C-alpha atoms as a PDB file:
ATOM      1  CA  MET A   1       6.701   5.764   9.282  1.00  0.00           C
ATOM      2  CA  CYS A   2       4.249   6.237   6.507  1.00  0.00           C
ATOM      3  CA  GLU A   3       1.204   3.642   5.405  1.00  0.00           C
ATOM      4  CA  LEU A   4       0.376   2.250   1.928  1.00  0.00           C
ATOM      5  CA  LEU A   5      -2.812   1.279   0.059  1.00  0.00           C
ATOM      6  CA  GLY A   6      -2.445  -0.184  -3.186  1.00  0.00           C
ATOM      7  CA  LEU A   7      -5.280  -1.736  -5.867  1.00  0.00           C
ATOM      8  CA  SER A   8      -4.999  -3.853  -8.697  1.00  0.00           C
ATOM      9  CA  ALA A   9      -7.396  -5.797 -10.610  1.00  0.00           C
ATOM     10  CA  ASN A  10      -9.019  -7.092 -13.897  1.00  0.00           C
ATOM     11  CA  VAL A  11     -12.034  -4.640 -14.592  1.00  0.00           C
ATOM     12  CA  PRO A  12     -12.269  -0.671 -13.278  1.00  0.00           C
ATOM     13  CA  THR A  13     -12.372  -0.783  -9.643  1.00  0.00           C
ATOM     14  CA  ASP A  14     -12.735   1.798  -7.414  1.00  0.00           C
ATOM     15  CA  ILE A  15     -10.987   1.754  -3.976  1.00  0.00           C
ATOM     16  CA  CYS A  16     -13.033   4.103  -1.939  1.00  0.00           C
ATOM     17  CA  PHE A  17     -14.072   1.541   0.345  1.00  0.00           C
ATOM     18  CA  CYS A  18     -10.506   0.519   1.987  1.00  0.00           C
ATOM     19  CA  PHE A  19      -9.575   4.383   1.365  1.00  0.00           C
ATOM     20  CA  SER A  20     -12.233   5.522   3.710  1.00  0.00           C
ATOM     21  CA  GLY A  21     -10.305   3.155   6.030  1.00  0.00           C
ATOM     22  CA  LEU A  22      -6.974   4.511   5.405  1.00  0.00           C
ATOM     23  CA  MET A  23      -7.917   7.776   5.250  1.00  0.00           C
ATOM     24  CA  LEU A  24      -8.558   7.981   9.328  1.00  0.00           C
ATOM     25  CA  ARG A  25      -5.659   6.602   9.379  1.00  0.00           C
ATOM     26  CA  GLY A  26      -3.982  10.291   8.640  1.00  0.00           C
ATOM     27  CA  GLY A  27      -5.102  12.145  11.952  1.00  0.00           C
ATOM     28  CA  LYS A  28      -7.661  10.170  13.696  1.00  0.00           C
ATOM     29  CA  THR A  29      -7.117   7.063  14.167  1.00  0.00           C
ATOM     30  CA  GLY A  30      -3.777   6.670  13.301  1.00  0.00           C
ATOM     31  CA  PRO A  31      -0.289   9.416  13.431  1.00  0.00           C
ATOM     32  CA  HIS A  32      -0.052   9.686   9.851  1.00  0.00           C
ATOM     33  CA  LYS A  33      -1.493  13.333   9.445  1.00  0.00           C
ATOM     34  CA  ASP A  34       1.451  14.830   7.095  1.00  0.00           C
ATOM     35  CA  GLY A  35       0.209  14.810   3.733  1.00  0.00           C
ATOM     36  CA  TRP A  36      -1.515  12.038   1.840  1.00  0.00           C
ATOM     37  CA  GLY A  37      -1.722  11.468  -1.807  1.00  0.00           C
ATOM     38  CA  VAL A  38      -3.304   9.119  -4.129  1.00  0.00           C
ATOM     39  CA  ALA A  39      -2.552   7.489  -8.251  1.00  0.00           C
ATOM     40  CA  PHE A  40      -5.325   6.155 -10.352  1.00  0.00           C
ATOM     41  CA  TYR A  41      -4.243   4.957 -13.866  1.00  0.00           C
ATOM     42  CA  GLU A  42      -6.767   5.475 -16.347  1.00  0.00           C
ATOM     43  CA  GLY A  43      -4.986   3.745 -19.736  1.00  0.00           C
ATOM     44  CA  ARG A  44      -1.669   4.946 -19.795  1.00  0.00           C
ATOM     45  CA  GLY A  45      -2.707   8.044 -18.112  1.00  0.00           C
ATOM     46  CA  CYS A  46      -1.998   8.557 -14.236  1.00  0.00           C
ATOM     47  CA  ARG A  47      -4.757  10.898 -12.400  1.00  0.00           C
ATOM     48  CA  LEU A  48      -2.745  12.413  -9.457  1.00  0.00           C
ATOM     49  CA  PHE A  49      -4.337  13.663  -6.364  1.00  0.00           C
ATOM     50  CA  GLN A  50      -2.350  14.894  -2.910  1.00  0.00           C
ATOM     51  CA  ASP A  51      -2.915  17.386  -0.161  1.00  0.00           C
ATOM     52  CA  THR A  52      -0.688  18.244   2.901  1.00  0.00           C
ATOM     53  CA  ILE A  53      -3.344  17.810   5.247  1.00  0.00           C
ATOM     54  CA  PRO A  54      -4.192  15.147   7.255  1.00  0.00           C
ATOM     55  CA  SER A  55      -6.263  12.913   5.177  1.00  0.00           C
ATOM     56  CA  SER A  56      -8.775  12.440   7.669  1.00  0.00           C
ATOM     57  CA  ASN A  57      -9.467  16.258   8.030  1.00  0.00           C
ATOM     58  CA  SER A  58      -8.618  16.643   3.929  1.00  0.00           C
ATOM     59  CA  GLU A  59     -11.772  17.772   1.735  1.00  0.00           C
ATOM     60  CA  ILE A  60      -9.674  15.756  -1.239  1.00  0.00           C
ATOM     61  CA  ALA A  61      -9.873  13.000   0.589  1.00  0.00           C
ATOM     62  CA  LYS A  62     -13.625  13.401   1.303  1.00  0.00           C
ATOM     63  CA  PHE A  63     -14.347  13.707  -2.203  1.00  0.00           C
ATOM     64  CA  ILE A  64     -12.372  10.842  -2.994  1.00  0.00           C
ATOM     65  CA  LYS A  65     -13.461   8.566  -0.488  1.00  0.00           C
ATOM     66  CA  HIS A  66     -17.005   9.370  -1.888  1.00  0.00           C
ATOM     67  CA  TYR A  67     -16.393   9.563  -5.725  1.00  0.00           C
ATOM     68  CA  PRO A  68     -15.754   5.686  -7.293  1.00  0.00           C
ATOM     69  CA  ILE A  69     -13.106   6.553 -10.029  1.00  0.00           C
ATOM     70  CA  LYS A  70     -12.677   3.222 -11.042  1.00  0.00           C
ATOM     71  CA  SER A  71      -8.984   1.967 -11.736  1.00  0.00           C
ATOM     72  CA  HIS A  72      -7.154  -1.248 -12.884  1.00  0.00           C
ATOM     73  CA  HIS A  73      -3.954  -0.117 -10.862  1.00  0.00           C
ATOM     74  CA  VAL A  74      -3.724   2.229  -7.770  1.00  0.00           C
ATOM     75  CA  ILE A  75      -1.363   3.683  -5.215  1.00  0.00           C
ATOM     76  CA  CYS A  76      -2.453   5.315  -2.094  1.00  0.00           C
ATOM     77  CA  HIS A  77      -0.035   6.933   0.390  1.00  0.00           C
ATOM     78  CA  ILE A  78      -0.462   8.935   3.964  1.00  0.00           C
ATOM     79  CA  ARG A  79       2.623  10.273   5.356  1.00  0.00           C
ATOM     80  CA  ARG A  80       4.203  10.581   8.958  1.00  0.00           C
ATOM     81  CA  ALA A  81       7.242  13.032   7.963  1.00  0.00           C
ATOM     82  CA  ASN A  82      10.483  11.634   9.163  1.00  0.00           C
ATOM     83  CA  ILE A  83      13.093  13.024   5.787  1.00  0.00           C
ATOM     84  CA  GLY A  84      11.922  16.152   4.300  1.00  0.00           C
ATOM     85  CA  LYS A  85       9.621  18.926   5.137  1.00  0.00           C
ATOM     86  CA  ILE A  86       5.354  19.370   4.859  1.00  0.00           C
ATOM     87  CA  CYS A  87       4.899  20.295   1.324  1.00  0.00           C
ATOM     88  CA  LEU A  88       3.621  19.000  -1.439  1.00  0.00           C
ATOM     89  CA  GLU A  89       6.602  18.361  -3.471  1.00  0.00           C
ATOM     90  CA  ASN A  90       7.455  15.619  -0.514  1.00  0.00           C
ATOM     91  CA  THR A  91       3.568  14.409  -0.733  1.00  0.00           C
ATOM     92  CA  HIS A  92       3.654  10.532  -2.451  1.00  0.00           C
ATOM     93  CA  PRO A  93       2.985   9.236  -5.003  1.00  0.00           C
ATOM     94  CA  PHE A  94       5.709  10.354  -7.080  1.00  0.00           C
ATOM     95  CA  VAL A  95       5.400   9.863 -10.974  1.00  0.00           C
ATOM     96  CA  ARG A  96       8.351   9.983 -13.447  1.00  0.00           C
ATOM     97  CA  GLN A  97       7.716   9.058 -17.067  1.00  0.00           C
ATOM     98  CA  LEU A  98      10.079   6.267 -18.596  1.00  0.00           C
ATOM     99  CA  TRP A  99       9.393   4.282 -22.235  1.00  0.00           C
ATOM    100  CA  GLY A 100       7.065   6.403 -22.605  1.00  0.00           C
ATOM    101  CA  ARG A 101       5.046   5.184 -19.191  1.00  0.00           C
ATOM    102  CA  ASN A 102       4.121   7.124 -16.696  1.00  0.00           C
ATOM    103  CA  TRP A 103       5.536   5.230 -13.265  1.00  0.00           C
ATOM    104  CA  CYS A 104       4.565   5.781 -10.313  1.00  0.00           C
ATOM    105  CA  PHE A 105       5.895   5.185  -6.777  1.00  0.00           C
ATOM    106  CA  ALA A 106       5.379   5.272  -2.672  1.00  0.00           C
ATOM    107  CA  HIS A 107       7.573   4.335   0.051  1.00  0.00           C
ATOM    108  CA  ASN A 108       6.991   3.347   3.425  1.00  0.00           C
ATOM    109  CA  GLY A 109      10.623   3.750   5.797  1.00  0.00           C
ATOM    110  CA  GLN A 110      13.861   5.622   5.887  1.00  0.00           C
ATOM    111  CA  LEU A 111      17.000   4.964   3.896  1.00  0.00           C
ATOM    112  CA  ARG A 112      19.750   6.582   5.432  1.00  0.00           C
ATOM    113  CA  GLY A 113      22.888   7.841   3.169  1.00  0.00           C
ATOM    114  CA  ILE A 114      21.401   6.790  -0.209  1.00  0.00           C
ATOM    115  CA  LYS A 115      21.417  10.742  -1.218  1.00  0.00           C
ATOM    116  CA  LYS A 116      25.334  10.702  -1.408  1.00  0.00           C
ATOM    117  CA  LYS A 117      26.351   6.744  -2.001  1.00  0.00           C
ATOM    118  CA  LEU A 118      23.476   6.761  -5.030  1.00  0.00           C
ATOM    119  CA  LYS A 119      24.225   9.406  -7.360  1.00  0.00           C
ATOM    120  CA  LEU A 120      21.910  10.542  -9.880  1.00  0.00           C
ATOM    121  CA  GLN A 121      22.396  12.288 -13.560  1.00  0.00           C
ATOM    122  CA  HIS A 122      18.638  12.048 -15.117  1.00  0.00           C
ATOM    123  CA  PHE A 123      16.161  11.535 -13.218  1.00  0.00           C
ATOM    124  CA  GLU A 124      16.132  14.716 -10.622  1.00  0.00           C
ATOM    125  CA  PRO A 125      13.931  14.812  -7.218  1.00  0.00           C
ATOM    126  CA  ILE A 126      11.837  17.643  -6.862  1.00  0.00           C
ATOM    127  CA  GLY A 127      11.278  17.678  -3.026  1.00  0.00           C
ATOM    128  CA  THR A 128      14.001  16.428  -0.676  1.00  0.00           C
ATOM    129  CA  THR A 129      12.798  13.073   0.435  1.00  0.00           C
ATOM    130  CA  ASP A 130      14.970  10.368   0.508  1.00  0.00           C
ATOM    131  CA  SER A 131      11.857   8.244  -1.339  1.00  0.00           C
ATOM    132  CA  GLU A 132      11.535  10.217  -4.152  1.00  0.00           C
ATOM    133  CA  HIS A 133      15.525   9.865  -4.243  1.00  0.00           C
ATOM    134  CA  ALA A 134      15.293   5.933  -4.614  1.00  0.00           C
ATOM    135  CA  PHE A 135      12.717   6.288  -7.116  1.00  0.00           C
ATOM    136  CA  CYS A 136      14.328   8.356  -9.142  1.00  0.00           C
ATOM    137  CA  TRP A 137      17.610   5.879  -9.022  1.00  0.00           C
ATOM    138  CA  ILE A 138      15.417   2.774  -9.536  1.00  0.00           C
ATOM    139  CA  LEU A 139      14.002   4.516 -12.799  1.00  0.00           C
ATOM    140  CA  GLU A 140      17.926   5.464 -13.496  1.00  0.00           C
ATOM    141  CA  GLN A 141      19.178   2.140 -13.459  1.00  0.00           C
ATOM    142  CA  PHE A 142      16.057   0.965 -15.743  1.00  0.00           C
ATOM    143  CA  HIS A 143      17.292   3.328 -18.169  1.00  0.00           C
ATOM    144  CA  LYS A 144      20.970   2.123 -18.015  1.00  0.00           C
ATOM    145  CA  LYS A 145      20.225  -1.421 -17.910  1.00  0.00           C
ATOM    146  CA  PHE A 146      17.315  -0.746 -20.344  1.00  0.00           C
ATOM    147  CA  PRO A 147      17.715   2.336 -23.040  1.00  0.00           C
ATOM    148  CA  LYS A 148      14.836   1.302 -25.135  1.00  0.00           C
ATOM    149  CA  PRO A 149      11.916  -0.549 -23.326  1.00  0.00           C
ATOM    150  CA  PRO A 150      12.536  -4.280 -22.725  1.00  0.00           C
ATOM    151  CA  LYS A 151      11.243  -6.893 -25.099  1.00  0.00           C
ATOM    152  CA  LYS A 152       9.573  -8.905 -22.726  1.00  0.00           C
ATOM    153  CA  GLU A 153       8.502  -7.335 -19.214  1.00  0.00           C
ATOM    154  CA  THR A 154       9.484  -9.809 -17.721  1.00  0.00           C
ATOM    155  CA  ASP A 155      13.159  -8.875 -18.128  1.00  0.00           C
ATOM    156  CA  LEU A 156      12.469  -6.245 -15.890  1.00  0.00           C
ATOM    157  CA  TRP A 157      11.507  -8.477 -13.070  1.00  0.00           C
ATOM    158  CA  PRO A 158      14.489  -9.525 -11.453  1.00  0.00           C
ATOM    159  CA  VAL A 159      16.264  -6.045 -12.144  1.00  0.00           C
ATOM    160  CA  LEU A 160      13.614  -4.449 -10.288  1.00  0.00           C
ATOM    161  CA  LYS A 161      14.021  -7.392  -7.218  1.00  0.00           C
ATOM    162  CA  LYS A 162      17.852  -6.947  -7.110  1.00  0.00           C
ATOM    163  CA  LEU A 163      17.251  -3.151  -7.320  1.00  0.00           C
ATOM    164  CA  CYS A 164      14.754  -3.128  -4.120  1.00  0.00           C
ATOM    165  CA  ASP A 165      17.070  -5.179  -1.912  1.00  0.00           C
ATOM    166  CA  ASP A 166      20.084  -2.711  -2.297  1.00  0.00           C
ATOM    167  CA  LEU A 167      18.009  -0.332  -1.683  1.00  0.00           C
ATOM    168  CA  ALA A 168      16.786  -2.519   1.387  1.00  0.00           C
ATOM    169  CA  GLU A 169      20.243  -2.366   2.664  1.00  0.00           C
ATOM    170  CA  TYR A 170      19.551   1.731   3.748  1.00  0.00           C
ATOM    171  CA  GLY A 171      17.477   0.888   6.142  1.00  0.00           C
ATOM    172  CA  VAL A 172      13.535   0.054   5.819  1.00  0.00           C
ATOM    173  CA  PHE A 173      12.107  -0.252   2.213  1.00  0.00           C
ATOM    174  CA  ASN A 174       8.395  -1.055   1.885  1.00  0.00           C
ATOM    175  CA  MET A 175       6.920   0.175  -1.366  1.00  0.00           C
ATOM    176  CA  LEU A 176       4.495   0.285  -4.350  1.00  0.00           C
ATOM    177  CA  LEU A 177       5.217   0.941  -8.020  1.00  0.00           C
ATOM    178  CA  SER A 178       3.220   1.158 -11.106  1.00  0.00           C
ATOM    179  CA  ASP A 179       3.227   1.746 -14.956  1.00  0.00           C
ATOM    180  CA  SER A 180       0.045   1.123 -15.599  1.00  0.00           C
ATOM    181  CA  HIS A 181       0.556  -2.962 -16.583  1.00  0.00           C
ATOM    182  CA  HIS A 182       1.895  -4.168 -13.321  1.00  0.00           C
ATOM    183  CA  LEU A 183       1.435  -3.189  -9.730  1.00  0.00           C
ATOM    184  CA  TYR A 184       5.081  -4.480  -7.727  1.00  0.00           C
ATOM    185  CA  ALA A 185       5.455  -4.078  -4.112  1.00  0.00           C
ATOM    186  CA  HIS A 186       8.691  -4.985  -1.817  1.00  0.00           C
ATOM    187  CA  CYS A 187       8.103  -5.347   1.797  1.00  0.00           C
ATOM    188  CA  SER A 188      11.099  -4.893   4.618  1.00  0.00           C
ATOM    189  CA  THR A 189       8.857  -4.604   7.856  1.00  0.00           C
ATOM    190  CA  LYS A 190       4.706  -4.641   7.118  1.00  0.00           C
ATOM    191  CA  LEU A 191       2.984  -5.030   3.897  1.00  0.00           C
ATOM    192  CA  ALA A 192      -0.224  -7.615   3.917  1.00  0.00           C
ATOM    193  CA  TRP A 193      -2.355  -8.329   1.098  1.00  0.00           C
ATOM    194  CA  ILE A 194      -5.740  -9.752   0.407  1.00  0.00           C
ATOM    195  CA  THR A 195      -7.221 -11.262  -3.190  1.00  0.00           C
ATOM    196  CA  ARG A 196     -11.244 -10.837  -3.329  1.00  0.00           C
ATOM    197  CA  LYS A 197     -12.647 -13.258  -6.267  1.00  0.00           C
ATOM    198  CA  SER A 198     -16.109 -15.045  -6.227  1.00  0.00           C
ATOM    199  CA  PRO A 199     -17.602 -16.131  -4.095  1.00  0.00           C
ATOM    200  CA  PHE A 200     -17.612 -12.132  -3.004  1.00  0.00           C
ATOM    201  CA  GLY A 201     -18.252 -12.215   0.575  1.00  0.00           C
ATOM    202  CA  LYS A 202     -18.451  -9.158   3.459  1.00  0.00           C
ATOM    203  CA  ALA A 203     -15.815  -7.150   4.860  1.00  0.00           C
ATOM    204  CA  LYS A 204     -16.033  -4.654   7.806  1.00  0.00           C
ATOM    205  CA  LEU A 205     -13.424  -2.210   8.370  1.00  0.00           C
ATOM    206  CA  ILE A 206     -10.813  -2.052  11.119  1.00  0.00           C
ATOM    207  CA  ASP A 207     -11.391   1.609  11.601  1.00  0.00           C
ATOM    208  CA  ASP A 208     -14.689   2.812  11.145  1.00  0.00           C
ATOM    209  CA  ASP A 209     -17.669   0.788  11.629  1.00  0.00           C
ATOM    210  CA  VAL A 210     -18.587   0.137   7.989  1.00  0.00           C
ATOM    211  CA  GLU A 211     -19.174  -3.272   6.458  1.00  0.00           C
ATOM    212  CA  ILE A 212     -19.684  -4.001   2.722  1.00  0.00           C
ATOM    213  CA  ASP A 213     -21.226  -6.933   0.898  1.00  0.00           C
ATOM    214  CA  PHE A 214     -19.138  -7.545  -2.044  1.00  0.00           C
ATOM    215  CA  HIS A 215     -21.118 -10.190  -3.763  1.00  0.00           C
ATOM    216  CA  HIS A 216     -23.603  -7.202  -4.651  1.00  0.00           C
ATOM    217  CA  ARG A 217     -21.363  -4.906  -5.970  1.00  0.00           C
ATOM    218  CA  THR A 218     -19.182  -7.554  -7.960  1.00  0.00           C
ATOM    219  CA  THR A 219     -19.572  -9.939 -10.812  1.00  0.00           C
ATOM    220  CA  PRO A 220     -18.264 -13.372 -10.563  1.00  0.00           C
ATOM    221  CA  LYS A 221     -15.293 -12.842 -13.320  1.00  0.00           C
ATOM    222  CA  ASP A 222     -14.024 -10.019 -11.171  1.00  0.00           C
ATOM    223  CA  ILE A 223     -10.644 -10.533  -9.285  1.00  0.00           C
ATOM    224  CA  ILE A 224      -9.458  -7.803  -6.727  1.00  0.00           C
ATOM    225  CA  THR A 225      -6.009  -7.449  -4.986  1.00  0.00           C
ATOM    226  CA  ILE A 226      -5.761  -4.903  -2.520  1.00  0.00           C
ATOM    227  CA  ILE A 227      -1.889  -4.608  -0.472  1.00  0.00           C
ATOM    228  CA  ALA A 228      -1.722  -2.415   2.179  1.00  0.00           C
ATOM    229  CA  THR A 229       0.915  -1.957   5.055  1.00  0.00           C
ATOM    230  CA  THR A 230      -1.529  -3.973   7.628  1.00  0.00           C
ATOM    231  CA  PRO A 231      -4.736  -4.733   7.017  1.00  0.00           C
ATOM    232  CA  LEU A 232      -7.827  -2.200   6.744  1.00  0.00           C
ATOM    233  CA  THR A 233     -10.793  -5.107   7.064  1.00  0.00           C
ATOM    234  CA  ASP A 234     -11.388  -8.052   9.333  1.00  0.00           C
ATOM    235  CA  GLU A 235     -10.858 -10.406   6.426  1.00  0.00           C
ATOM    236  CA  GLU A 236      -7.958 -12.930   6.314  1.00  0.00           C
ATOM    237  CA  TRP A 237      -5.030 -11.206   4.768  1.00  0.00           C
ATOM    238  CA  THR A 238      -1.613 -12.752   3.848  1.00  0.00           C
ATOM    239  CA  ARG A 239       1.246 -11.239   5.097  1.00  0.00           C
ATOM    240  CA  ALA A 240       4.150 -10.604   3.149  1.00  0.00           C
ATOM    241  CA  LYS A 241       8.058 -11.575   4.828  1.00  0.00           C
ATOM    242  CA  LYS A 242      10.853  -9.333   4.997  1.00  0.00           C
ATOM    243  CA  GLY A 243      12.570  -9.398   1.642  1.00  0.00           C
ATOM    244  CA  ASP A 244       9.618 -10.070  -0.076  1.00  0.00           C
ATOM    245  CA  PHE A 245       8.992  -8.740  -3.969  1.00  0.00           C
ATOM    246  CA  LEU A 246       5.295  -8.866  -5.511  1.00  0.00           C
ATOM    247  CA  ILE A 247       4.023  -8.571  -8.848  1.00  0.00           C
ATOM    248  CA  PHE A 248      -0.126  -8.222  -9.378  1.00  0.00           C
ATOM    249  CA  SER A 249      -1.610  -7.446 -12.505  1.00  0.00           C
ATOM    250  CA  GLU A 250      -5.211  -7.992 -13.424  1.00  0.00           C
ATOM    251  CA  GLY A 251      -5.470  -8.403  -9.568  1.00  0.00           C
ATOM    252  CA  LYS A 252      -3.456 -11.818  -9.837  1.00  0.00           C
ATOM    253  CA  GLN A 253      -0.270 -12.359  -8.114  1.00  0.00           C
ATOM    254  CA  LYS A 254       2.453 -13.018 -10.952  1.00  0.00           C
ATOM    255  CA  PHE A 255       5.518 -15.410 -10.217  1.00  0.00           C
ATOM    256  CA  PHE A 256       9.316 -15.545 -11.177  1.00  0.00           C
ATOM    257  CA  THR A 257      12.178 -17.459 -11.036  1.00  0.00           C
ATOM    258  CA  THR A 258      15.960 -15.783 -10.772  1.00  0.00           C
ATOM    259  CA  ILE A 259      18.870 -18.086 -11.588  1.00  0.00           C
END
């Protein structure tokens, strides 16, 4: 399967440290050698980088590793192809527009039969993956439920949770989704996160002999949450449970209840 990496922060933050660990899993310390991608939100805009070669060998990935692009929300993906050939149009993250927002999506897992059972009318996949089909279906359900943007963003949360639960019925649905305002995550099998805030300490990558002291790179007001398929550092991560639906904004976890 693939691996995911996401960031939510209350200040523009780069993801160079964790990304340098993730990119090694793309063909060196891991088998995810079938392409990779990363999306950075800049205001309402979305800057997207993708490549079809292993991230451990990609010159574009090396650029991302060393160039500190700062963002409030980031979504990364390294691919191990199961459904769909290795090509740019099948490379995550996928981006579409709805309600004047750039929606970005990345998925880990397989969803058997959704192309036949979950029909699309308005949003069409460019590639052939079940992941992109699921993304288009989510946006289509959003549009049906809310032809115009919901008056309150919290009105969308139970709808998205239900859609994630429905998609999980077709297989494994670990995903990251963002509209620049929030970072949403759903866990079917593997997902973990860590929130870094003052007092900041040190961390060492699991996949490389690299250590960083966040105390020298942050301010006391900074709050940064990292989400990944499996922990990338030697810190104490929180592991999500099957069926968990998580929402992060400004680095903080948001909670809601369904009645």
